[in-house]
Amino acid sequence: SSVDDAPADTITRRFRYDVALVSALKDLEEDIMEGLRERGLEDSACTSGFSVMIKESCDGMGDVSEKHGGGPVVPEKAVRYSFTVMSVSLRVEDEEEDVTIFTEPKPNSELSCKPLCLTFVDESDHETLTAVLGPIVAERDAMKESRLILSIGGLPRSFRFHFRGTGYDEKMVREMEGLEASGSTYVCTLCDSTRAEASQNMVLHSITRSHDENLERYEIW
């Protein structure tokens, strides 16, 4: 089911996030059941405690003016928002850690990347991009706080979702952070020095954020 809630001056096609996640998990139904069997877990006893790790990606697709033919005048650049099911794990009694029953073997493949939203917009057009992605973020936040009951292998099973934005384009991360997109005034994501400061001082730079802080700032939503 697609949703049409895009600003009037652009064209957007997207799926509801929960519907897209259901579809992705149903595609993995055989893999999930095989994972349970391989780990010797009793199928009928495993109906709750499933956790799904989702990698989100959002990136500009560049100039697409040659690709969409005639029709209304729209921005000649496009942005794609997509996700990948990275892993499915299960909380098992008497086990300290969750048992992983599925891991995506090709996490960077186009085949494992599920499109959620495609919109004709320049990725540096922050206002329009925010209007387009706002409803997706709201749906994602709702999914974080709830459980999805889905029939897998003939039994209803309860899934929780965890989201990481590790597939965001670095320029877009800066855009979401309120910094500049392409041509950022900052040197890198680990340093708060601006290009102007760097040009005056080529030596005394320090890493002002750790990778853990960056993970918290950019990747875990």
Protein backbone atom coordinates (compact mmCIF):
# COMPACT_ATOMS: atom_id res chain seq x y z
CA SER A 1 0.00 0.00 0.00
CA SER A 2 1.48 3.32 -1.01
CA VAL A 3 0.95 6.62 0.76
CA ASP A 4 0.62 9.98 -0.95
CA ASP A 5 1.50 12.75 1.51
CA ALA A 6 4.29 14.55 -0.33
CA PRO A 7 4.58 18.33 -0.83
CA ALA A 8 2.80 19.59 -3.94
CA ASP A 9 5.97 20.71 -5.75
CA THR A 10 7.56 17.28 -5.89
CA ILE A 11 6.63 13.71 -6.78
CA THR A 12 7.05 11.02 -4.14
CA ARG A 13 6.21 7.34 -4.12
CA ARG A 14 6.53 5.49 -0.87
CA PHE A 15 5.24 2.55 1.16
CA ARG A 16 4.01 2.63 4.73
CA TYR A 17 6.92 1.55 6.92
CA ASP A 18 5.06 -1.18 8.83
CA VAL A 19 3.67 -2.66 5.60
CA ALA A 20 7.15 -2.69 4.05
CA LEU A 21 8.62 -4.40 7.14
CA VAL A 22 5.91 -7.08 7.07
CA SER A 23 6.66 -7.73 3.40
CA ALA A 24 10.42 -7.96 4.08
CA LEU A 25 9.94 -10.42 6.95
CA LYS A 26 7.54 -12.57 4.93
CA ASP A 27 10.23 -12.75 2.23
CA LEU A 28 12.56 -14.13 4.93
CA GLU A 29 10.03 -16.64 6.30
CA GLU A 30 11.92 -19.72 5.08
CA ASP A 31 15.25 -18.33 6.31
CA ILE A 32 13.80 -17.64 9.78
CA MET A 33 12.33 -21.14 10.05
CA GLU A 34 15.59 -22.67 8.81
CA GLY A 35 17.48 -20.65 11.44
CA LEU A 36 15.27 -22.04 14.20
CA ARG A 37 15.83 -25.60 12.98
CA GLU A 38 19.60 -25.18 12.65
CA ARG A 39 19.84 -24.04 16.28
CA GLY A 40 17.66 -26.86 17.53
CA LEU A 41 14.94 -24.52 18.77
CA GLU A 42 11.42 -25.86 19.18
CA ASP A 43 9.30 -24.13 16.56
CA SER A 44 6.08 -24.00 18.60
CA ALA A 45 7.88 -22.58 21.66
CA CYS A 46 9.39 -19.64 19.75
CA THR A 47 6.49 -17.25 19.36
CA SER A 48 7.84 -14.13 21.10
CA GLY A 49 11.12 -12.37 21.77
CA PHE A 50 12.18 -11.86 18.16
CA SER A 51 14.36 -8.79 17.47
CA VAL A 52 15.01 -7.39 14.01
CA MET A 53 17.95 -5.09 13.23
CA ILE A 54 17.18 -2.68 10.39
CA LYS A 55 19.82 -0.66 8.55
CA GLU A 56 18.35 2.47 7.00
CA SER A 57 19.84 4.16 3.98
CA CYS A 58 19.15 7.52 2.43
CA ASP A 59 21.13 8.91 -0.45
CA GLY A 60 20.81 11.20 -3.43
CA MET A 61 20.64 9.49 -6.81
CA GLY A 62 22.09 12.43 -8.72
CA ASP A 63 20.71 13.83 -11.96
CA VAL A 64 17.72 11.79 -13.16
CA SER A 65 16.41 14.24 -15.74
CA GLU A 66 17.04 11.74 -18.54
CA LYS A 67 15.34 8.90 -16.69
CA HIS A 68 11.75 9.91 -16.04
CA GLY A 69 10.60 11.09 -19.46
CA GLY A 70 7.74 13.55 -19.93
CA GLY A 71 5.20 14.75 -17.41
CA PRO A 72 5.09 17.57 -14.86
CA VAL A 73 8.14 19.68 -14.14
CA VAL A 74 9.89 18.25 -11.09
CA PRO A 75 13.37 18.62 -9.59
CA GLU A 76 15.91 16.84 -11.77
CA LYS A 77 17.50 15.09 -8.81
CA ALA A 78 16.12 12.22 -6.77
CA VAL A 79 16.57 10.84 -3.26
CA ARG A 80 15.98 7.22 -2.28
CA TYR A 81 15.19 6.08 1.25
CA SER A 82 15.52 2.34 1.80
CA PHE A 83 16.21 -0.29 4.44
CA THR A 84 17.89 -3.67 4.83
CA VAL A 85 17.00 -6.42 7.31
CA MET A 86 20.47 -7.01 8.77
CA SER A 87 19.62 -9.72 11.28
CA VAL A 88 16.86 -11.50 13.17
CA SER A 89 17.58 -12.75 16.69
CA LEU A 90 15.60 -14.46 19.42
CA ARG A 91 15.57 -14.22 23.21
CA VAL A 92 15.84 -17.80 24.50
CA GLU A 93 15.42 -18.95 28.08
CA ASP A 94 18.64 -19.93 29.87
CA GLU A 95 20.72 -18.01 27.31
CA GLU A 96 22.50 -14.82 28.38
CA GLU A 97 22.53 -13.34 24.88
CA ASP A 98 20.01 -13.38 22.06
CA VAL A 99 20.45 -16.21 19.56
CA THR A 100 20.89 -14.96 15.99
CA ILE A 101 18.77 -17.00 13.59
CA PHE A 102 19.28 -14.93 10.44
CA THR A 103 22.07 -12.66 9.22
CA GLU A 104 21.93 -10.95 5.83
CA PRO A 105 24.83 -12.50 3.85
CA LYS A 106 25.11 -9.54 1.45
CA PRO A 107 24.15 -6.45 3.48
CA ASN A 108 25.44 -3.99 0.87
CA SER A 109 23.75 -5.66 -2.09
CA GLU A 110 21.00 -3.92 -4.03
CA LEU A 111 19.05 -7.19 -3.79
CA SER A 112 18.80 -6.99 0.01
CA CYS A 113 17.98 -3.27 0.03
CA LYS A 114 14.23 -2.64 0.19
CA PRO A 115 13.07 0.70 -1.26
CA LEU A 116 10.76 2.62 1.03
CA CYS A 117 10.53 6.04 -0.58
CA LEU A 118 11.65 7.56 -3.88
CA THR A 119 11.21 11.29 -4.37
CA PHE A 120 12.22 13.84 -6.97
CA VAL A 121 14.04 16.36 -4.79
CA ASP A 122 17.51 17.85 -4.48
CA GLU A 123 19.11 16.38 -1.35
CA SER A 124 20.30 19.87 -0.36
CA ASP A 125 16.68 21.15 -0.36
CA HIS A 126 16.35 20.69 3.37
CA GLU A 127 12.79 22.01 3.71
CA THR A 128 11.27 19.72 1.08
CA LEU A 129 13.34 16.74 2.19
CA THR A 130 12.18 17.21 5.78
CA ALA A 131 8.55 17.40 4.63
CA VAL A 132 8.94 14.18 2.63
CA LEU A 133 10.85 12.20 5.26
CA GLY A 134 8.95 13.51 8.30
CA PRO A 135 6.08 10.98 8.04
CA ILE A 136 8.59 8.13 7.55
CA VAL A 137 10.46 9.15 10.71
CA ALA A 138 7.14 9.30 12.62
CA GLU A 139 6.21 5.79 11.46
CA ARG A 140 9.69 4.52 12.35
CA ASP A 141 9.43 6.03 15.85
CA ALA A 142 6.04 4.34 16.33
CA MET A 143 7.54 0.99 15.27
CA LYS A 144 10.34 1.36 17.84
CA GLU A 145 7.80 1.51 20.65
CA SER A 146 5.58 -1.35 19.53
CA ARG A 147 5.63 -5.04 18.66
CA LEU A 148 4.54 -6.52 15.37
CA ILE A 149 2.58 -9.79 15.45
CA LEU A 150 3.18 -11.67 12.21
CA SER A 151 2.39 -15.21 11.06
CA ILE A 152 5.68 -16.98 10.31
CA GLY A 153 5.70 -20.74 9.77
CA GLY A 154 1.99 -20.96 10.51
CA LEU A 155 2.22 -19.42 14.01
CA PRO A 156 1.80 -15.81 15.16
CA ARG A 157 5.17 -14.46 16.32
CA SER A 158 6.09 -11.20 18.03
CA PHE A 159 8.83 -8.98 16.55
CA ARG A 160 10.52 -5.84 17.85
CA PHE A 161 12.52 -3.54 15.59
CA HIS A 162 15.80 -1.70 16.14
CA PHE A 163 16.87 0.92 13.62
CA ARG A 164 20.30 2.19 12.67
CA GLY A 165 20.91 4.92 10.13
CA THR A 166 24.31 3.63 9.07
CA GLY A 167 23.48 3.91 5.39
CA TYR A 168 22.97 7.67 5.42
CA ASP A 169 25.09 9.65 3.03
CA GLU A 170 27.60 11.73 5.04
CA LYS A 171 26.49 14.95 3.36
CA MET A 172 22.91 14.15 4.24
CA VAL A 173 23.83 13.44 7.86
CA ARG A 174 25.23 16.95 8.04
CA GLU A 175 22.08 18.27 6.41
CA MET A 176 19.91 16.51 9.00
CA GLU A 177 22.16 17.91 11.71
CA GLY A 178 21.51 21.43 10.46
CA LEU A 179 25.01 21.76 9.00
CA GLU A 180 25.78 22.33 5.36
CA ALA A 181 25.28 19.52 2.88
CA SER A 182 27.74 19.34 -0.02
CA GLY A 183 30.59 21.74 0.54
CA SER A 184 30.33 21.36 4.30
CA THR A 185 32.13 23.96 6.40
CA TYR A 186 33.31 21.13 8.66
CA VAL A 187 36.36 18.99 8.04
CA CYS A 188 35.01 15.58 9.05
CA THR A 189 32.42 13.88 11.25
CA LEU A 190 34.93 13.29 14.07
CA CYS A 191 36.21 16.86 14.23
CA ASP A 192 34.37 20.11 14.91
CA SER A 193 36.99 22.22 13.12
CA THR A 194 35.73 24.24 10.19
CA ARG A 195 37.53 24.46 6.87
CA ALA A 196 38.35 28.08 7.62
CA GLU A 197 40.00 27.11 10.91
CA ALA A 198 41.84 24.26 9.21
CA SER A 199 43.25 26.58 6.56
CA GLN A 200 44.72 28.78 9.30
CA ASN A 201 46.03 25.90 11.36
CA MET A 202 47.13 22.76 9.53
CA VAL A 203 48.63 21.03 12.59
CA LEU A 204 46.69 21.39 15.82
CA HIS A 205 43.59 19.32 15.12
CA SER A 206 42.10 16.80 17.49
CA ILE A 207 39.37 14.21 17.28
CA THR A 208 36.64 15.80 19.36
CA ARG A 209 34.13 12.95 19.13
CA SER A 210 34.71 9.26 19.65
CA HIS A 211 33.19 6.63 17.38
CA ASP A 212 30.80 5.73 20.21
CA GLU A 213 29.60 9.34 20.37
CA ASN A 214 29.21 9.36 16.61
CA LEU A 215 27.21 6.15 16.78
CA GLU A 216 24.90 7.78 19.29
CA ARG A 217 24.71 11.00 17.31
CA TYR A 218 24.21 9.66 13.81
CA GLU A 219 23.34 5.98 13.74
CA ILE A 220 21.04 4.97 16.59
CA TRP A 221 17.65 6.65 16.33
